[in-house]
Amino acid sequence: MEVLGRVVELWRYPVKSLGGERLDAAALCARGLYGDRRLAVAGSDGKLGSGKTTRRFRRMPGLLSLSSFTDPAGEVWVRFPDGECERAVEARTAARIGQVVGEGVSLVKEGAVSHFDDAPLHLVTTSSLAWLESLGRDEGIDVRRLRPNLLVETEGEGRPEEAWLGASLRVGGAVVEVVSRTERCAMTTMAQGGLGSAPGILRQLTASSDACLGVYGVVVRPGVVRAGDPVARDQPLSSARR
């Protein structure tokens, strides 16, 4: 197999559009990284809070000032800007989120409306981060702005993950099919957890790469992925039989 890089960071976002949690290992399943976006913030109109407005989602400023994490028992918590944490299942948690975003909201589990934008798994490479930095920004690009599930360390310049489109990748014990480029939205520019607003990022991506950076994937064989695992182009079945 052709080794393309290695996983250096794994990220899960238990509540859609809130800050996430960095993991040492995670299970990949048909729905993506296990426990990712299992909850979302819903407005009174039923649309899910996001960084953009679409048929399913609605921009809801303030969400990125919050973060979410999962405790060892598998329960989801929300961390508020003052550092206090509340269990997601508590009614007062949704009420406090509503105070942050300025409207009444609820926390909902995924149902008929998917919590994912386009695909369940998102990959970004360190080469792409370096490429984005090379466009002239003074500060480094924090990976949290791009919200990947997997940050893959790669060598060379440019955006190597775009050459993986249509390929099957062996990632730890899982196999992932790369299905599309990731179109970026205003969420890359928003202030969050120690990061200020950065409107120039989206302008630069729009001018240089059709507002795309990173790739989406689907899990075709479940398995566990750990930080440090190689990412390799999977051997075609026909080749394995020869």
Protein backbone atom coordinates (compact mmCIF):
# COMPACT_ATOMS: atom_id res chain seq x y z
CA MET A 1 0.00 0.00 0.00
CA GLU A 2 1.09 3.56 -0.70
CA VAL A 3 1.41 5.43 2.60
CA LEU A 4 0.11 8.97 2.19
CA GLY A 5 0.56 10.31 5.71
CA ARG A 6 -0.36 9.64 9.30
CA VAL A 7 -3.14 10.73 11.64
CA VAL A 8 -1.82 13.36 14.05
CA GLU A 9 -5.11 14.64 15.52
CA LEU A 10 -8.63 13.23 15.94
CA TRP A 11 -11.55 15.55 16.67
CA ARG A 12 -15.14 14.89 17.68
CA TYR A 13 -17.94 17.46 17.94
CA PRO A 14 -20.65 15.93 20.16
CA VAL A 15 -22.92 18.93 19.53
CA LYS A 16 -23.04 20.30 15.98
CA SER A 17 -21.47 23.74 15.49
CA LEU A 18 -20.05 23.89 19.02
CA GLY A 19 -16.35 23.52 19.75
CA GLY A 20 -15.22 19.92 19.95
CA GLU A 21 -12.90 17.56 21.79
CA ARG A 22 -9.54 16.15 20.77
CA LEU A 23 -9.20 12.38 21.16
CA ASP A 24 -6.37 9.87 21.30
CA ALA A 25 -8.45 7.20 19.56
CA ALA A 26 -11.90 6.82 18.09
CA ALA A 27 -14.11 4.27 16.37
CA LEU A 28 -15.17 4.94 12.79
CA CYS A 29 -18.57 3.55 11.85
CA ALA A 30 -21.05 3.94 8.99
CA ARG A 31 -22.17 7.26 10.46
CA GLY A 32 -18.58 8.57 10.68
CA LEU A 33 -16.60 9.09 13.86
CA TYR A 34 -18.61 7.48 16.65
CA GLY A 35 -20.53 10.08 18.68
CA ASP A 36 -19.82 12.94 16.29
CA ARG A 37 -22.63 15.52 15.94
CA ARG A 38 -24.96 13.25 17.88
CA LEU A 39 -26.78 16.36 19.11
CA ALA A 40 -27.61 19.72 17.53
CA VAL A 41 -29.08 23.02 18.67
CA ALA A 42 -32.52 23.57 17.13
CA GLY A 43 -34.31 26.91 16.90
CA SER A 44 -38.06 27.38 17.32
CA ASP A 45 -38.41 27.00 13.53
CA GLY A 46 -36.90 23.51 13.72
CA LYS A 47 -33.77 24.45 11.78
CA LEU A 48 -30.44 23.36 13.22
CA GLY A 49 -27.96 25.96 14.44
CA SER A 50 -24.95 26.30 12.13
CA GLY A 51 -22.45 28.73 10.70
CA LYS A 52 -24.52 29.06 7.52
CA THR A 53 -28.14 29.17 6.40
CA THR A 54 -29.44 26.43 4.09
CA ARG A 55 -32.61 24.39 3.69
CA ARG A 56 -31.73 22.36 6.80
CA PHE A 57 -29.58 24.76 8.81
CA ARG A 58 -29.69 28.32 10.06
CA ARG A 59 -26.83 30.57 11.03
CA MET A 60 -26.90 31.01 14.80
CA PRO A 61 -24.23 33.42 16.05
CA GLY A 62 -22.63 32.57 19.39
CA LEU A 63 -22.54 28.79 19.09
CA LEU A 64 -18.75 28.69 18.75
CA SER A 65 -18.36 30.42 22.11
CA LEU A 66 -19.57 27.09 23.52
CA SER A 67 -17.90 23.69 23.35
CA SER A 68 -18.96 20.12 23.94
CA PHE A 69 -17.30 16.97 25.20
CA THR A 70 -18.15 13.39 26.15
CA ASP A 71 -17.37 11.97 29.59
CA PRO A 72 -16.05 8.42 30.16
CA ALA A 73 -19.62 7.17 30.62
CA GLY A 74 -20.57 8.47 27.16
CA GLU A 75 -22.64 11.42 28.37
CA VAL A 76 -22.42 14.71 26.47
CA TRP A 77 -21.63 17.95 28.29
CA VAL A 78 -21.66 21.58 27.19
CA ARG A 79 -19.02 24.03 28.37
CA PHE A 80 -20.10 27.67 28.57
CA PRO A 81 -17.95 30.78 28.06
CA ASP A 82 -17.56 31.22 31.83
CA GLY A 83 -16.06 27.73 32.09
CA GLU A 84 -19.07 26.11 33.73
CA CYS A 85 -20.25 22.77 32.34
CA GLU A 86 -23.76 21.35 32.16
CA ARG A 87 -25.04 17.96 31.06
CA ALA A 88 -26.69 18.16 27.66
CA VAL A 89 -29.75 16.24 28.88
CA GLU A 90 -30.65 18.88 31.47
CA ALA A 91 -33.38 21.36 30.49
CA ARG A 92 -31.38 24.24 31.96
CA THR A 93 -28.58 23.53 29.47
CA ALA A 94 -30.75 24.40 26.48
CA ALA A 95 -32.03 27.45 28.35
CA ARG A 96 -28.47 28.67 28.94
CA ILE A 97 -27.56 28.07 25.29
CA GLY A 98 -30.60 30.13 24.36
CA GLN A 99 -29.29 33.00 26.47
CA VAL A 100 -25.99 32.86 24.55
CA VAL A 101 -27.54 32.82 21.07
CA GLY A 102 -30.43 35.14 21.88
CA GLU A 103 -33.42 32.86 21.25
CA GLY A 104 -35.21 29.87 22.65
CA VAL A 105 -33.57 26.61 21.55
CA SER A 106 -33.59 22.89 22.26
CA LEU A 107 -30.95 20.18 22.04
CA VAL A 108 -32.07 17.44 19.67
CA LYS A 109 -30.79 14.03 18.67
CA GLU A 110 -30.35 13.25 15.00
CA GLY A 111 -33.51 12.08 13.31
CA ALA A 112 -34.74 12.39 9.75
CA VAL A 113 -32.66 15.56 9.29
CA SER A 114 -28.95 14.71 9.16
CA HIS A 115 -26.65 16.73 11.41
CA PHE A 116 -23.85 16.51 8.81
CA ASP A 117 -23.35 19.10 6.10
CA ASP A 118 -22.43 16.82 3.19
CA ALA A 119 -20.74 13.65 4.45
CA PRO A 120 -20.03 12.06 7.83
CA LEU A 121 -16.23 12.28 7.90
CA HIS A 122 -13.95 15.25 7.27
CA LEU A 123 -10.18 15.06 6.59
CA VAL A 124 -7.64 17.89 6.34
CA THR A 125 -3.87 17.61 5.83
CA THR A 126 -1.05 19.56 7.42
CA SER A 127 0.12 20.44 3.90
CA SER A 128 -3.20 22.19 3.29
CA LEU A 129 -2.82 24.16 6.51
CA ALA A 130 0.67 25.23 5.41
CA TRP A 131 -0.69 26.14 1.97
CA LEU A 132 -3.37 28.33 3.55
CA GLU A 133 -0.76 30.03 5.73
CA SER A 134 1.33 30.69 2.63
CA LEU A 135 -1.43 32.86 1.16
CA GLY A 136 -0.14 35.66 3.32
CA ARG A 137 -1.76 35.53 6.72
CA ASP A 138 0.43 36.83 9.54
CA GLU A 139 -0.68 34.29 12.16
CA GLY A 140 -0.72 30.51 11.84
CA ILE A 141 -3.91 28.72 10.86
CA ASP A 142 -5.42 26.93 13.85
CA VAL A 143 -6.90 23.60 12.78
CA ARG A 144 -9.97 24.28 14.93
CA ARG A 145 -11.16 26.78 12.33
CA LEU A 146 -11.53 23.95 9.78
CA ARG A 147 -13.21 21.48 12.16
CA PRO A 148 -11.86 18.22 10.70
CA ASN A 149 -12.38 14.80 12.25
CA LEU A 150 -8.90 13.72 11.14
CA LEU A 151 -5.84 15.90 10.69
CA VAL A 152 -3.39 13.97 8.53
CA GLU A 153 0.31 14.84 8.53
CA THR A 154 1.63 14.89 4.96
CA GLU A 155 4.82 15.90 3.23
CA GLY A 156 5.17 18.28 0.34
CA GLU A 157 3.25 21.37 -0.67
CA GLY A 158 -0.23 22.17 -1.89
CA ARG A 159 -3.43 20.32 -1.05
CA PRO A 160 -2.59 16.60 -1.44
CA GLU A 161 -5.94 15.32 -0.19
CA GLU A 162 -7.60 16.56 -3.37
CA ALA A 163 -5.66 13.85 -5.23
CA TRP A 164 -7.39 11.27 -3.01
CA LEU A 165 -10.85 11.92 -4.48
CA GLY A 166 -12.46 8.62 -5.42
CA ALA A 167 -9.81 6.61 -3.57
CA SER A 168 -10.26 4.15 -0.72
CA LEU A 169 -7.94 4.87 2.19
CA ARG A 170 -6.92 2.51 4.94
CA VAL A 171 -6.97 4.62 8.11
CA GLY A 172 -5.94 2.61 11.14
CA GLY A 173 -8.36 -0.32 11.26
CA ALA A 174 -10.95 1.37 9.04
CA VAL A 175 -11.36 1.95 5.32
CA VAL A 176 -12.63 5.34 4.13
CA GLU A 177 -13.74 6.35 0.63
CA VAL A 178 -12.99 9.98 -0.26
CA VAL A 179 -16.07 11.40 -1.97
CA SER A 180 -15.75 15.18 -2.40
CA ARG A 181 -13.89 18.38 -1.63
CA THR A 182 -15.01 20.33 1.43
CA GLU A 183 -16.63 23.67 0.65
CA ARG A 184 -15.89 26.16 3.40
CA CYS A 185 -18.34 28.60 4.96
CA ALA A 186 -18.22 31.58 7.29
CA MET A 187 -17.56 29.29 10.26
CA THR A 188 -13.85 29.30 9.35
CA THR A 189 -13.79 33.03 10.09
CA MET A 190 -15.66 33.12 13.39
CA ALA A 191 -14.19 33.83 16.82
CA GLN A 192 -13.96 30.84 19.15
CA GLY A 193 -12.06 29.65 22.22
CA GLY A 194 -9.13 32.06 22.16
CA LEU A 195 -9.28 32.68 18.41
CA GLY A 196 -10.44 36.04 17.12
CA SER A 197 -12.52 36.75 14.04
CA ALA A 198 -10.59 36.15 10.78
CA PRO A 199 -12.71 37.18 7.78
CA GLY A 200 -9.70 37.03 5.44
CA ILE A 201 -9.56 33.24 5.55
CA LEU A 202 -12.74 32.71 3.55
CA ARG A 203 -11.83 35.46 1.08
CA GLN A 204 -8.46 33.82 0.42
CA LEU A 205 -10.01 30.38 -0.01
CA THR A 206 -12.65 31.74 -2.36
CA ALA A 207 -10.02 33.40 -4.52
CA SER A 208 -7.53 30.50 -4.51
CA SER A 209 -9.47 27.23 -4.33
CA ASP A 210 -13.16 27.85 -5.05
CA ALA A 211 -13.69 28.17 -1.26
CA CYS A 212 -12.67 24.52 -0.77
CA LEU A 213 -10.13 22.98 1.61
CA GLY A 214 -10.01 19.40 2.85
CA VAL A 215 -12.13 16.45 1.76
CA TYR A 216 -15.19 14.53 2.87
CA GLY A 217 -15.29 10.77 3.22
CA VAL A 218 -17.58 7.87 4.01
CA VAL A 219 -16.63 4.84 6.09
CA VAL A 220 -16.86 1.66 4.03
CA ARG A 221 -15.30 -0.60 6.68
CA PRO A 222 -15.61 0.26 10.38
CA GLY A 223 -12.58 0.20 12.64
CA VAL A 224 -10.63 2.00 15.33
CA VAL A 225 -8.28 4.87 14.48
CA ARG A 226 -5.55 6.14 16.79
CA ALA A 227 -3.27 9.15 16.68
CA GLY A 228 -0.12 8.04 14.86
CA ASP A 229 -1.88 5.53 12.60
CA PRO A 230 -0.79 5.58 8.94
CA VAL A 231 -3.12 6.68 6.17
CA ALA A 232 -2.57 4.58 3.05
CA ARG A 233 -4.21 4.09 -0.30
CA ASP A 234 -6.08 0.80 0.12
CA GLN A 235 -5.03 -2.11 -2.06
CA PRO A 236 -7.68 -2.81 -4.71
CA LEU A 237 -9.49 -6.12 -4.16
CA SER A 238 -8.56 -7.30 -7.68
CA SER A 239 -4.87 -6.78 -6.89
CA ALA A 240 -5.16 -8.61 -3.58
CA ARG A 241 -6.50 -11.70 -5.35
CA ARG A 242 -3.69 -11.90 -7.87
